[in-house]
PDB file of all heavy atoms in Angstrom:
ATOM      1  N   LEU A   1     154.183   7.781 181.850  1.00  0.00           N
ATOM      2  CA  LEU A   1     153.940   8.955 182.764  1.00  0.00           C
ATOM      3  C   LEU A   1     153.708  10.259 182.043  1.00  0.00           C
ATOM      4  O   LEU A   1     152.823  11.095 182.231  1.00  0.00           O
ATOM      5  CB  LEU A   1     155.123   9.020 183.788  1.00  0.00           C
ATOM      6  CG  LEU A   1     154.941  10.266 184.752  1.00  0.00           C
ATOM      7  CD1 LEU A   1     153.709  10.144 185.559  1.00  0.00           C
ATOM      8  CD2 LEU A   1     156.167  10.164 185.661  1.00  0.00           C
ATOM      9  N   SER A   2     154.504  10.365 180.876  1.00  0.00           N
ATOM     10  CA  SER A   2     154.338  11.663 180.025  1.00  0.00           C
ATOM     11  C   SER A   2     152.968  11.594 179.486  1.00  0.00           C
ATOM     12  O   SER A   2     152.271  12.694 179.435  1.00  0.00           O
ATOM     13  CB  SER A   2     155.420  11.608 178.943  1.00  0.00           C
ATOM     14  OG  SER A   2     156.707  11.617 179.403  1.00  0.00           O
ATOM     15  N   ARG A   3     152.490  10.512 178.922  1.00  0.00           N
ATOM     16  CA  ARG A   3     151.077  10.472 178.476  1.00  0.00           C
ATOM     17  C   ARG A   3     150.060  10.670 179.473  1.00  0.00           C
ATOM     18  O   ARG A   3     149.059  11.448 179.215  1.00  0.00           O
ATOM     19  CB  ARG A   3     150.857   9.067 177.767  1.00  0.00           C
ATOM     20  CG  ARG A   3     149.555   8.961 177.089  1.00  0.00           C
ATOM     21  CD  ARG A   3     149.541   7.748 176.210  1.00  0.00           C
ATOM     22  NE  ARG A   3     149.799   6.491 176.979  1.00  0.00           N
ATOM     23  CZ  ARG A   3     150.931   5.857 176.919  1.00  0.00           C
ATOM     24  NH1 ARG A   3     151.855   6.304 176.019  1.00  0.00           N
ATOM     25  NH2 ARG A   3     151.203   4.713 177.643  1.00  0.00           N
ATOM     26  N   ALA A   4     150.247  10.134 180.661  1.00  0.00           N
ATOM     27  CA  ALA A   4     149.252  10.241 181.734  1.00  0.00           C
ATOM     28  C   ALA A   4     149.181  11.689 182.192  1.00  0.00           C
ATOM     29  O   ALA A   4     148.176  12.165 182.522  1.00  0.00           O
ATOM     30  CB  ALA A   4     149.581   9.274 182.830  1.00  0.00           C
ATOM     31  N   LEU A   5     150.358  12.296 182.266  1.00  0.00           N
ATOM     32  CA  LEU A   5     150.369  13.733 182.753  1.00  0.00           C
ATOM     33  C   LEU A   5     149.753  14.667 181.728  1.00  0.00           C
ATOM     34  O   LEU A   5     148.852  15.517 182.081  1.00  0.00           O
ATOM     35  CB  LEU A   5     151.830  14.214 182.947  1.00  0.00           C
ATOM     36  CG  LEU A   5     152.453  13.638 184.150  1.00  0.00           C
ATOM     37  CD1 LEU A   5     153.950  13.997 184.084  1.00  0.00           C
ATOM     38  CD2 LEU A   5     151.860  14.249 185.498  1.00  0.00           C
ATOM     39  N   ARG A   6     149.873  14.354 180.409  1.00  0.00           N
ATOM     40  CA  ARG A   6     149.217  15.167 179.293  1.00  0.00           C
ATOM     41  C   ARG A   6     147.670  14.924 179.477  1.00  0.00           C
ATOM     42  O   ARG A   6     146.878  15.906 179.381  1.00  0.00           O
ATOM     43  CB  ARG A   6     149.666  14.725 178.044  1.00  0.00           C
ATOM     44  CG  ARG A   6     151.053  15.258 177.562  1.00  0.00           C
ATOM     45  CD  ARG A   6     151.315  15.132 176.033  1.00  0.00           C
ATOM     46  NE  ARG A   6     151.145  13.698 175.685  1.00  0.00           N
ATOM     47  CZ  ARG A   6     152.067  12.885 175.584  1.00  0.00           C
ATOM     48  NH1 ARG A   6     153.280  13.170 176.048  1.00  0.00           N
ATOM     49  NH2 ARG A   6     151.901  11.643 175.149  1.00  0.00           N
ATOM     50  N   GLU A   7     147.246  13.696 179.593  1.00  0.00           N
ATOM     51  CA  GLU A   7     145.920  13.397 179.742  1.00  0.00           C
ATOM     52  C   GLU A   7     145.188  14.002 181.011  1.00  0.00           C
ATOM     53  O   GLU A   7     143.973  14.294 180.953  1.00  0.00           O
ATOM     54  CB  GLU A   7     145.607  11.847 179.697  1.00  0.00           C
ATOM     55  CG  GLU A   7     145.982  11.224 178.327  1.00  0.00           C
ATOM     56  CD  GLU A   7     145.969   9.691 178.429  1.00  0.00           C
ATOM     57  OE1 GLU A   7     145.835   9.152 179.507  1.00  0.00           O
ATOM     58  OE2 GLU A   7     146.155   9.083 177.319  1.00  0.00           O
ATOM     59  N   SER A   8     145.993  14.294 181.985  1.00  0.00           N
ATOM     60  CA  SER A   8     145.471  14.976 183.140  1.00  0.00           C
ATOM     61  C   SER A   8     145.563  16.430 183.062  1.00  0.00           C
ATOM     62  O   SER A   8     145.139  17.155 183.962  1.00  0.00           O
ATOM     63  CB  SER A   8     146.209  14.540 184.425  1.00  0.00           C
ATOM     64  OG  SER A   8     147.610  15.008 184.425  1.00  0.00           O
ATOM     65  N   GLY A   9     146.018  16.890 181.929  1.00  0.00           N
ATOM     66  CA  GLY A   9     145.993  18.349 181.633  1.00  0.00           C
ATOM     67  C   GLY A   9     147.349  19.050 182.040  1.00  0.00           C
ATOM     68  O   GLY A   9     147.381  20.325 182.218  1.00  0.00           O
ATOM     69  N   ARG A  10     148.334  18.182 182.239  1.00  0.00           N
ATOM     70  CA  ARG A  10     149.628  18.856 182.747  1.00  0.00           C
ATOM     71  C   ARG A  10     150.703  18.561 181.658  1.00  0.00           C
ATOM     72  O   ARG A  10     151.050  17.340 181.430  1.00  0.00           O
ATOM     73  CB  ARG A  10     150.120  18.197 184.043  1.00  0.00           C
ATOM     74  CG  ARG A  10     149.015  18.464 185.086  1.00  0.00           C
ATOM     75  CD  ARG A  10     149.554  17.966 186.427  1.00  0.00           C
ATOM     76  NE  ARG A  10     148.423  17.994 187.405  1.00  0.00           N
ATOM     77  CZ  ARG A  10     148.098  19.054 187.883  1.00  0.00           C
ATOM     78  NH1 ARG A  10     148.524  20.210 187.496  1.00  0.00           N
ATOM     79  NH2 ARG A  10     146.902  19.111 188.624  1.00  0.00           N
ATOM     80  N   GLU A  11     151.246  19.578 181.041  1.00  0.00           N
ATOM     81  CA  GLU A  11     152.329  19.482 180.078  1.00  0.00           C
ATOM     82  C   GLU A  11     153.606  19.544 180.774  1.00  0.00           C
ATOM     83  O   GLU A  11     154.323  20.626 180.775  1.00  0.00           O
ATOM     84  CB  GLU A  11     152.112  20.573 178.932  1.00  0.00           C
ATOM     85  CG  GLU A  11     150.968  20.384 178.156  1.00  0.00           C
ATOM     86  CD  GLU A  11     151.108  19.092 177.237  1.00  0.00           C
ATOM     87  OE1 GLU A  11     152.182  18.662 177.006  1.00  0.00           O
ATOM     88  OE2 GLU A  11     149.977  18.616 176.806  1.00  0.00           O
ATOM     89  N   LEU A  12     154.033  18.414 181.561  1.00  0.00           N
ATOM     90  CA  LEU A  12     155.338  18.392 182.159  1.00  0.00           C
ATOM     91  C   LEU A  12     156.203  17.435 181.531  1.00  0.00           C
ATOM     92  O   LEU A  12     155.817  16.133 181.481  1.00  0.00           O
ATOM     93  CB  LEU A  12     155.079  18.073 183.677  1.00  0.00           C
ATOM     94  CG  LEU A  12     154.207  19.002 184.565  1.00  0.00           C
ATOM     95  CD1 LEU A  12     154.049  18.400 185.924  1.00  0.00           C
ATOM     96  CD2 LEU A  12     154.880  20.408 184.659  1.00  0.00           C
ATOM     97  N   PRO A  13     157.378  17.881 180.937  1.00  0.00           N
ATOM     98  CA  PRO A  13     158.264  16.891 180.337  1.00  0.00           C
ATOM     99  C   PRO A  13     158.828  15.989 181.383  1.00  0.00           C
ATOM    100  O   PRO A  13     159.071  16.416 182.560  1.00  0.00           O
ATOM    101  CB  PRO A  13     159.332  17.778 179.660  1.00  0.00           C
ATOM    102  CG  PRO A  13     159.224  19.106 180.419  1.00  0.00           C
ATOM    103  CD  PRO A  13     157.761  19.235 180.782  1.00  0.00           C
ATOM    104  N   VAL A  14     159.106  14.810 181.117  1.00  0.00           N
ATOM    105  CA  VAL A  14     159.576  13.757 182.060  1.00  0.00           C
ATOM    106  C   VAL A  14     161.094  13.443 181.621  1.00  0.00           C
ATOM    107  O   VAL A  14     161.233  12.937 180.493  1.00  0.00           O
ATOM    108  CB  VAL A  14     158.727  12.523 182.153  1.00  0.00           C
ATOM    109  CG1 VAL A  14     159.258  11.614 183.231  1.00  0.00           C
ATOM    110  CG2 VAL A  14     157.330  12.879 182.536  1.00  0.00           C
ATOM    111  N   TYR A  15     161.966  13.696 182.431  1.00  0.00           N
ATOM    112  CA  TYR A  15     163.443  13.369 182.171  1.00  0.00           C
ATOM    113  C   TYR A  15     163.753  12.080 183.068  1.00  0.00           C
ATOM    114  O   TYR A  15     163.049  11.673 183.933  1.00  0.00           O
ATOM    115  CB  TYR A  15     164.416  14.519 182.686  1.00  0.00           C
ATOM    116  CG  TYR A  15     164.140  15.765 181.924  1.00  0.00           C
ATOM    117  CD1 TYR A  15     163.062  16.606 182.096  1.00  0.00           C
ATOM    118  CD2 TYR A  15     165.037  16.147 180.954  1.00  0.00           C
ATOM    119  CE1 TYR A  15     162.928  17.861 181.470  1.00  0.00           C
ATOM    120  CE2 TYR A  15     164.850  17.324 180.182  1.00  0.00           C
ATOM    121  CZ  TYR A  15     163.753  18.140 180.438  1.00  0.00           C
ATOM    122  OH  TYR A  15     163.744  19.385 179.779  1.00  0.00           O
ATOM    123  N   PHE A  16     164.871  11.445 182.645  1.00  0.00           N
ATOM    124  CA  PHE A  16     165.230  10.119 183.261  1.00  0.00           C
ATOM    125  C   PHE A  16     166.676  10.092 183.583  1.00  0.00           C
ATOM    126  O   PHE A  16     167.527  10.483 182.702  1.00  0.00           O
ATOM    127  CB  PHE A  16     164.878   9.098 182.193  1.00  0.00           C
ATOM    128  CG  PHE A  16     165.339   7.699 182.548  1.00  0.00           C
ATOM    129  CD1 PHE A  16     165.507   7.264 183.885  1.00  0.00           C
ATOM    130  CD2 PHE A  16     165.802   6.867 181.595  1.00  0.00           C
ATOM    131  CE1 PHE A  16     165.882   5.930 184.166  1.00  0.00           C
ATOM    132  CE2 PHE A  16     166.250   5.555 181.888  1.00  0.00           C
ATOM    133  CZ  PHE A  16     166.352   5.164 183.181  1.00  0.00           C
ATOM    134  N   GLY A  17     167.057   9.881 184.824  1.00  0.00           N
ATOM    135  CA  GLY A  17     168.398   9.785 185.226  1.00  0.00           C
ATOM    136  C   GLY A  17     168.632   8.757 186.231  1.00  0.00           C
ATOM    137  O   GLY A  17     167.708   8.349 187.017  1.00  0.00           O
ATOM    138  N   ASN A  18     169.800   8.137 186.262  1.00  0.00           N
ATOM    139  CA  ASN A  18     170.166   7.054 187.212  1.00  0.00           C
ATOM    140  C   ASN A  18     171.305   7.401 188.217  1.00  0.00           C
ATOM    141  O   ASN A  18     172.057   8.294 187.941  1.00  0.00           O
ATOM    142  CB  ASN A  18     170.662   5.852 186.431  1.00  0.00           C
ATOM    143  CG  ASN A  18     169.586   5.116 185.657  1.00  0.00           C
ATOM    144  OD1 ASN A  18     168.440   4.924 186.182  1.00  0.00           O
ATOM    145  ND2 ASN A  18     169.823   4.687 184.452  1.00  0.00           N
ATOM    146  N   ARG A  19     171.379   6.611 189.266  1.00  0.00           N
ATOM    147  CA  ARG A  19     172.455   6.771 190.212  1.00  0.00           C
ATOM    148  C   ARG A  19     173.722   6.078 189.780  1.00  0.00           C
ATOM    149  O   ARG A  19     174.844   6.638 189.850  1.00  0.00           O
ATOM    150  CB  ARG A  19     171.998   6.073 191.544  1.00  0.00           C
ATOM    151  CG  ARG A  19     173.112   6.047 192.595  1.00  0.00           C
ATOM    152  CD  ARG A  19     172.644   5.274 193.876  1.00  0.00           C
ATOM    153  NE  ARG A  19     171.419   5.874 194.436  1.00  0.00           N
ATOM    154  CZ  ARG A  19     170.632   5.300 195.204  1.00  0.00           C
ATOM    155  NH1 ARG A  19     170.813   4.027 195.621  1.00  0.00           N
ATOM    156  NH2 ARG A  19     169.577   5.865 195.689  1.00  0.00           N
ATOM    157  N   ASN A  20     173.627   4.941 189.045  1.00  0.00           N
ATOM    158  CA  ASN A  20     174.805   4.124 188.945  1.00  0.00           C
ATOM    159  C   ASN A  20     175.198   3.860 187.508  1.00  0.00           C
ATOM    160  O   ASN A  20     176.244   3.206 187.243  1.00  0.00           O
ATOM    161  CB  ASN A  20     174.626   2.678 189.651  1.00  0.00           C
ATOM    162  CG  ASN A  20     174.532   2.812 191.098  1.00  0.00           C
ATOM    163  OD1 ASN A  20     175.424   3.264 191.770  1.00  0.00           O
ATOM    164  ND2 ASN A  20     173.320   2.474 191.617  1.00  0.00           N
ATOM    165  N   TRP A  21     174.371   4.230 186.527  1.00  0.00           N
ATOM    166  CA  TRP A  21     174.765   3.983 185.105  1.00  0.00           C
ATOM    167  C   TRP A  21     173.992   4.905 184.195  1.00  0.00           C
ATOM    168  O   TRP A  21     173.121   5.627 184.597  1.00  0.00           O
ATOM    169  CB  TRP A  21     174.384   2.474 184.711  1.00  0.00           C
ATOM    170  CG  TRP A  21     175.318   2.064 183.635  1.00  0.00           C
ATOM    171  CD1 TRP A  21     174.939   1.646 182.419  1.00  0.00           C
ATOM    172  CD2 TRP A  21     176.785   1.966 183.566  1.00  0.00           C
ATOM    173  NE1 TRP A  21     175.987   1.370 181.534  1.00  0.00           N
ATOM    174  CE2 TRP A  21     177.049   1.429 182.263  1.00  0.00           C
ATOM    175  CE3 TRP A  21     177.818   2.176 184.509  1.00  0.00           C
ATOM    176  CZ2 TRP A  21     178.476   1.288 181.960  1.00  0.00           C
ATOM    177  CZ3 TRP A  21     179.088   2.006 184.107  1.00  0.00           C
ATOM    178  CH2 TRP A  21     179.422   1.555 182.833  1.00  0.00           C
ATOM    179  N   HIS A  22     174.343   4.909 182.933  1.00  0.00           N
ATOM    180  CA  HIS A  22     173.789   5.802 181.871  1.00  0.00           C
ATOM    181  C   HIS A  22     172.275   5.466 181.780  1.00  0.00           C
ATOM    182  O   HIS A  22     171.949   4.320 181.707  1.00  0.00           O
ATOM    183  CB  HIS A  22     174.539   5.652 180.600  1.00  0.00           C
ATOM    184  CG  HIS A  22     175.992   5.845 180.724  1.00  0.00           C
ATOM    185  ND1 HIS A  22     176.592   7.000 180.853  1.00  0.00           N
ATOM    186  CD2 HIS A  22     176.993   4.877 180.717  1.00  0.00           C
ATOM    187  CE1 HIS A  22     177.904   6.869 180.868  1.00  0.00           C
ATOM    188  NE2 HIS A  22     178.151   5.564 180.844  1.00  0.00           N
ATOM    189  N   PRO A  23     171.385   6.462 181.604  1.00  0.00           N
ATOM    190  CA  PRO A  23     171.833   7.950 181.671  1.00  0.00           C
ATOM    191  C   PRO A  23     171.918   8.326 183.152  1.00  0.00           C
ATOM    192  O   PRO A  23     170.996   8.083 183.939  1.00  0.00           O
ATOM    193  CB  PRO A  23     170.543   8.607 181.037  1.00  0.00           C
ATOM    194  CG  PRO A  23     169.490   7.570 181.287  1.00  0.00           C
ATOM    195  CD  PRO A  23     170.016   6.195 181.194  1.00  0.00           C
ATOM    196  N   TYR A  24     173.033   9.066 183.474  1.00  0.00           N
ATOM    197  CA  TYR A  24     173.322   9.409 184.865  1.00  0.00           C
ATOM    198  C   TYR A  24     172.411  10.546 185.277  1.00  0.00           C
ATOM    199  O   TYR A  24     172.025  11.388 184.321  1.00  0.00           O
ATOM    200  CB  TYR A  24     174.718   9.822 185.052  1.00  0.00           C
ATOM    201  CG  TYR A  24     175.640   8.652 185.056  1.00  0.00           C
ATOM    202  CD1 TYR A  24     176.592   8.344 184.143  1.00  0.00           C
ATOM    203  CD2 TYR A  24     175.679   7.768 186.248  1.00  0.00           C
ATOM    204  CE1 TYR A  24     177.373   7.207 184.188  1.00  0.00           C
ATOM    205  CE2 TYR A  24     176.512   6.748 186.358  1.00  0.00           C
ATOM    206  CZ  TYR A  24     177.383   6.488 185.348  1.00  0.00           C
ATOM    207  OH  TYR A  24     178.225   5.405 185.409  1.00  0.00           O
ATOM    208  N   ALA A  25     172.078  10.575 186.466  1.00  0.00           N
ATOM    209  CA  ALA A  25     171.244  11.763 187.070  1.00  0.00           C
ATOM    210  C   ALA A  25     171.945  13.133 186.688  1.00  0.00           C
ATOM    211  O   ALA A  25     171.324  14.076 186.379  1.00  0.00           O
ATOM    212  CB  ALA A  25     171.061  11.590 188.520  1.00  0.00           C
ATOM    213  N   GLU A  26     173.240  13.120 186.832  1.00  0.00           N
ATOM    214  CA  GLU A  26     174.018  14.401 186.510  1.00  0.00           C
ATOM    215  C   GLU A  26     173.742  14.950 185.164  1.00  0.00           C
ATOM    216  O   GLU A  26     173.580  16.117 184.905  1.00  0.00           O
ATOM    217  CB  GLU A  26     175.510  14.180 186.799  1.00  0.00           C
ATOM    218  CG  GLU A  26     175.927  13.920 188.189  1.00  0.00           C
ATOM    219  CD  GLU A  26     175.924  12.411 188.552  1.00  0.00           C
ATOM    220  OE1 GLU A  26     175.172  11.652 187.954  1.00  0.00           O
ATOM    221  OE2 GLU A  26     176.729  12.087 189.470  1.00  0.00           O
ATOM    222  N   ASP A  27     173.708  13.964 184.255  1.00  0.00           N
ATOM    223  CA  ASP A  27     173.425  14.389 182.806  1.00  0.00           C
ATOM    224  C   ASP A  27     172.025  14.781 182.621  1.00  0.00           C
ATOM    225  O   ASP A  27     171.707  15.720 181.907  1.00  0.00           O
ATOM    226  CB  ASP A  27     173.835  13.122 181.881  1.00  0.00           C
ATOM    227  CG  ASP A  27     175.270  12.875 181.930  1.00  0.00           C
ATOM    228  OD1 ASP A  27     176.113  13.729 182.204  1.00  0.00           O
ATOM    229  OD2 ASP A  27     175.591  11.591 181.791  1.00  0.00           O
ATOM    230  N   ALA A  28     171.137  14.065 183.265  1.00  0.00           N
ATOM    231  CA  ALA A  28     169.699  14.414 183.149  1.00  0.00           C
ATOM    232  C   ALA A  28     169.410  15.848 183.679  1.00  0.00           C
ATOM    233  O   ALA A  28     168.809  16.709 183.066  1.00  0.00           O
ATOM    234  CB  ALA A  28     168.820  13.462 183.798  1.00  0.00           C
ATOM    235  N   VAL A  29     170.045  16.165 184.907  1.00  0.00           N
ATOM    236  CA  VAL A  29     169.772  17.535 185.355  1.00  0.00           C
ATOM    237  C   VAL A  29     170.404  18.597 184.643  1.00  0.00           C
ATOM    238  O   VAL A  29     169.971  19.738 184.527  1.00  0.00           O
ATOM    239  CB  VAL A  29     170.169  17.497 186.967  1.00  0.00           C
ATOM    240  CG1 VAL A  29     170.001  18.855 187.657  1.00  0.00           C
ATOM    241  CG2 VAL A  29     169.362  16.507 187.675  1.00  0.00           C
ATOM    242  N   THR A  30     171.598  18.256 184.060  1.00  0.00           N
ATOM    243  CA  THR A  30     172.333  19.281 183.176  1.00  0.00           C
ATOM    244  C   THR A  30     171.472  19.542 181.980  1.00  0.00           C
ATOM    245  O   THR A  30     171.291  20.738 181.599  1.00  0.00           O
ATOM    246  CB  THR A  30     173.692  18.625 182.810  1.00  0.00           C
ATOM    247  OG1 THR A  30     174.533  18.446 183.900  1.00  0.00           O
ATOM    248  CG2 THR A  30     174.321  19.683 181.769  1.00  0.00           C
ATOM    249  N   GLU A  31     170.804  18.505 181.407  1.00  0.00           N
ATOM    250  CA  GLU A  31     169.887  18.729 180.268  1.00  0.00           C
ATOM    251  C   GLU A  31     168.806  19.539 180.622  1.00  0.00           C
ATOM    252  O   GLU A  31     168.341  20.402 179.944  1.00  0.00           O
ATOM    253  CB  GLU A  31     169.499  17.377 179.767  1.00  0.00           C
ATOM    254  CG  GLU A  31     168.517  17.402 178.589  1.00  0.00           C
ATOM    255  CD  GLU A  31     167.993  16.109 178.106  1.00  0.00           C
ATOM    256  OE1 GLU A  31     168.255  15.071 178.769  1.00  0.00           O
ATOM    257  OE2 GLU A  31     167.221  16.119 177.133  1.00  0.00           O
ATOM    258  N   MET A  32     168.272  19.341 181.898  1.00  0.00           N
ATOM    259  CA  MET A  32     167.099  20.090 182.339  1.00  0.00           C
ATOM    260  C   MET A  32     167.438  21.533 182.477  1.00  0.00           C
ATOM    261  O   MET A  32     166.667  22.518 182.093  1.00  0.00           O
ATOM    262  CB  MET A  32     166.641  19.543 183.691  1.00  0.00           C
ATOM    263  CG  MET A  32     166.004  18.185 183.688  1.00  0.00           C
ATOM    264  SD  MET A  32     165.865  17.429 185.208  1.00  0.00           S
ATOM    265  CE  MET A  32     164.384  18.217 185.851  1.00  0.00           C
ATOM    266  N   ALA A  33     168.642  21.812 183.113  1.00  0.00           N
ATOM    267  CA  ALA A  33     169.152  23.210 183.173  1.00  0.00           C
ATOM    268  C   ALA A  33     169.229  23.825 181.817  1.00  0.00           C
ATOM    269  O   ALA A  33     168.800  25.073 181.657  1.00  0.00           O
ATOM    270  CB  ALA A  33     170.404  23.342 183.883  1.00  0.00           C
ATOM    271  N   ARG A  34     169.810  23.176 180.870  1.00  0.00           N
ATOM    272  CA  ARG A  34     170.020  23.763 179.436  1.00  0.00           C
ATOM    273  C   ARG A  34     168.710  23.977 178.807  1.00  0.00           C
ATOM    274  O   ARG A  34     168.520  24.842 177.905  1.00  0.00           O
ATOM    275  CB  ARG A  34     170.847  22.816 178.762  1.00  0.00           C
ATOM    276  CG  ARG A  34     172.296  22.894 179.081  1.00  0.00           C
ATOM    277  CD  ARG A  34     173.183  21.882 178.383  1.00  0.00           C
ATOM    278  NE  ARG A  34     174.553  22.037 178.842  1.00  0.00           N
ATOM    279  CZ  ARG A  34     175.605  21.181 178.695  1.00  0.00           C
ATOM    280  NH1 ARG A  34     175.200  19.945 178.345  1.00  0.00           N
ATOM    281  NH2 ARG A  34     176.792  21.319 179.069  1.00  0.00           N
ATOM    282  N   ASP A  35     167.695  23.192 179.275  1.00  0.00           N
ATOM    283  CA  ASP A  35     166.300  23.300 178.640  1.00  0.00           C
ATOM    284  C   ASP A  35     165.443  24.403 179.235  1.00  0.00           C
ATOM    285  O   ASP A  35     164.334  24.645 178.871  1.00  0.00           O
ATOM    286  CB  ASP A  35     165.470  21.925 178.758  1.00  0.00           C
ATOM    287  CG  ASP A  35     166.029  20.945 177.762  1.00  0.00           C
ATOM    288  OD1 ASP A  35     166.792  21.310 176.953  1.00  0.00           O
ATOM    289  OD2 ASP A  35     165.648  19.843 177.944  1.00  0.00           O
ATOM    290  N   GLY A  36     166.065  25.032 180.360  1.00  0.00           N
ATOM    291  CA  GLY A  36     165.404  26.094 181.053  1.00  0.00           C
ATOM    292  C   GLY A  36     164.446  25.728 182.134  1.00  0.00           C
ATOM    293  O   GLY A  36     163.623  26.481 182.589  1.00  0.00           O
ATOM    294  N   VAL A  37     164.448  24.492 182.543  1.00  0.00           N
ATOM    295  CA  VAL A  37     163.728  23.959 183.720  1.00  0.00           C
ATOM    296  C   VAL A  37     164.075  24.693 184.951  1.00  0.00           C
ATOM    297  O   VAL A  37     165.337  24.620 185.249  1.00  0.00           O
ATOM    298  CB  VAL A  37     163.756  22.444 183.846  1.00  0.00           C
ATOM    299  CG1 VAL A  37     163.091  21.992 185.138  1.00  0.00           C
ATOM    300  CG2 VAL A  37     163.332  21.729 182.642  1.00  0.00           C
ATOM    301  N   ARG A  38     163.214  25.240 185.775  1.00  0.00           N
ATOM    302  CA  ARG A  38     163.566  25.972 186.875  1.00  0.00           C
ATOM    303  C   ARG A  38     163.237  25.241 188.183  1.00  0.00           C
ATOM    304  O   ARG A  38     163.737  25.425 189.291  1.00  0.00           O
ATOM    305  CB  ARG A  38     162.847  27.350 186.814  1.00  0.00           C
ATOM    306  CG  ARG A  38     163.255  28.163 185.651  1.00  0.00           C
ATOM    307  CD  ARG A  38     162.700  29.522 185.691  1.00  0.00           C
ATOM    308  NE  ARG A  38     163.167  30.269 186.800  1.00  0.00           N
ATOM    309  CZ  ARG A  38     162.840  31.634 187.117  1.00  0.00           C
ATOM    310  NH1 ARG A  38     161.935  32.139 186.469  1.00  0.00           N
ATOM    311  NH2 ARG A  38     163.449  32.138 188.168  1.00  0.00           N
ATOM    312  N   ARG A  39     162.158  24.396 188.088  1.00  0.00           N
ATOM    313  CA  ARG A  39     161.629  23.725 189.279  1.00  0.00           C
ATOM    314  C   ARG A  39     161.025  22.431 188.880  1.00  0.00           C
ATOM    315  O   ARG A  39     160.050  22.465 188.036  1.00  0.00           O
ATOM    316  CB  ARG A  39     160.756  24.577 190.185  1.00  0.00           C
ATOM    317  CG  ARG A  39     160.404  23.934 191.508  1.00  0.00           C
ATOM    318  CD  ARG A  39     159.676  25.040 192.382  1.00  0.00           C
ATOM    319  NE  ARG A  39     159.084  24.587 193.647  1.00  0.00           N
ATOM    320  CZ  ARG A  39     159.734  24.399 194.690  1.00  0.00           C
ATOM    321  NH1 ARG A  39     160.984  24.769 194.795  1.00  0.00           N
ATOM    322  NH2 ARG A  39     159.121  24.001 195.805  1.00  0.00           N
ATOM    323  N   ALA A  40     161.444  21.260 189.442  1.00  0.00           N
ATOM    324  CA  ALA A  40     160.934  19.996 189.047  1.00  0.00           C
ATOM    325  C   ALA A  40     160.745  19.109 190.179  1.00  0.00           C
ATOM    326  O   ALA A  40     161.253  19.188 191.337  1.00  0.00           O
ATOM    327  CB  ALA A  40     161.908  19.302 188.083  1.00  0.00           C
ATOM    328  N   LEU A  41     159.721  18.199 190.006  1.00  0.00           N
ATOM    329  CA  LEU A  41     159.498  17.115 190.939  1.00  0.00           C
ATOM    330  C   LEU A  41     160.329  15.905 190.626  1.00  0.00           C
ATOM    331  O   LEU A  41     160.559  15.644 189.357  1.00  0.00           O
ATOM    332  CB  LEU A  41     158.061  16.753 190.886  1.00  0.00           C
ATOM    333  CG  LEU A  41     157.077  17.870 191.362  1.00  0.00           C
ATOM    334  CD1 LEU A  41     155.596  17.541 191.004  1.00  0.00           C
ATOM    335  CD2 LEU A  41     157.149  17.979 193.031  1.00  0.00           C
ATOM    336  N   VAL A  42     160.686  15.175 191.668  1.00  0.00           N
ATOM    337  CA  VAL A  42     161.482  13.965 191.468  1.00  0.00           C
ATOM    338  C   VAL A  42     160.782  12.744 191.958  1.00  0.00           C
ATOM    339  O   VAL A  42     160.487  12.664 193.128  1.00  0.00           O
ATOM    340  CB  VAL A  42     162.870  14.013 192.119  1.00  0.00           C
ATOM    341  CG1 VAL A  42     163.683  12.825 191.903  1.00  0.00           C
ATOM    342  CG2 VAL A  42     163.699  15.299 191.590  1.00  0.00           C
ATOM    343  N   PHE A  43     160.568  11.741 191.029  1.00  0.00           N
ATOM    344  CA  PHE A  43     159.976  10.492 191.453  1.00  0.00           C
ATOM    345  C   PHE A  43     161.084   9.499 191.427  1.00  0.00           C
ATOM    346  O   PHE A  43     161.704   9.116 190.385  1.00  0.00           O
ATOM    347  CB  PHE A  43     158.864  10.088 190.476  1.00  0.00           C
ATOM    348  CG  PHE A  43     158.343   8.665 190.817  1.00  0.00           C
ATOM    349  CD1 PHE A  43     157.577   8.412 191.973  1.00  0.00           C
ATOM    350  CD2 PHE A  43     158.713   7.588 190.052  1.00  0.00           C
ATOM    351  CE1 PHE A  43     157.052   7.164 192.259  1.00  0.00           C
ATOM    352  CE2 PHE A  43     158.232   6.360 190.353  1.00  0.00           C
ATOM    353  CZ  PHE A  43     157.420   6.118 191.450  1.00  0.00           C
TER     354      PHE A  43
END
């Protein structure tokens, strides 16, 4: 997905988080906050 977004002209980093096991969604969103992400789409 990261590659396809770049090829479509969108430089959107893709993060990964889970409901039930590592990497947990809580950790992924915390990382996003520390990276300065302000608004993201969730697939």
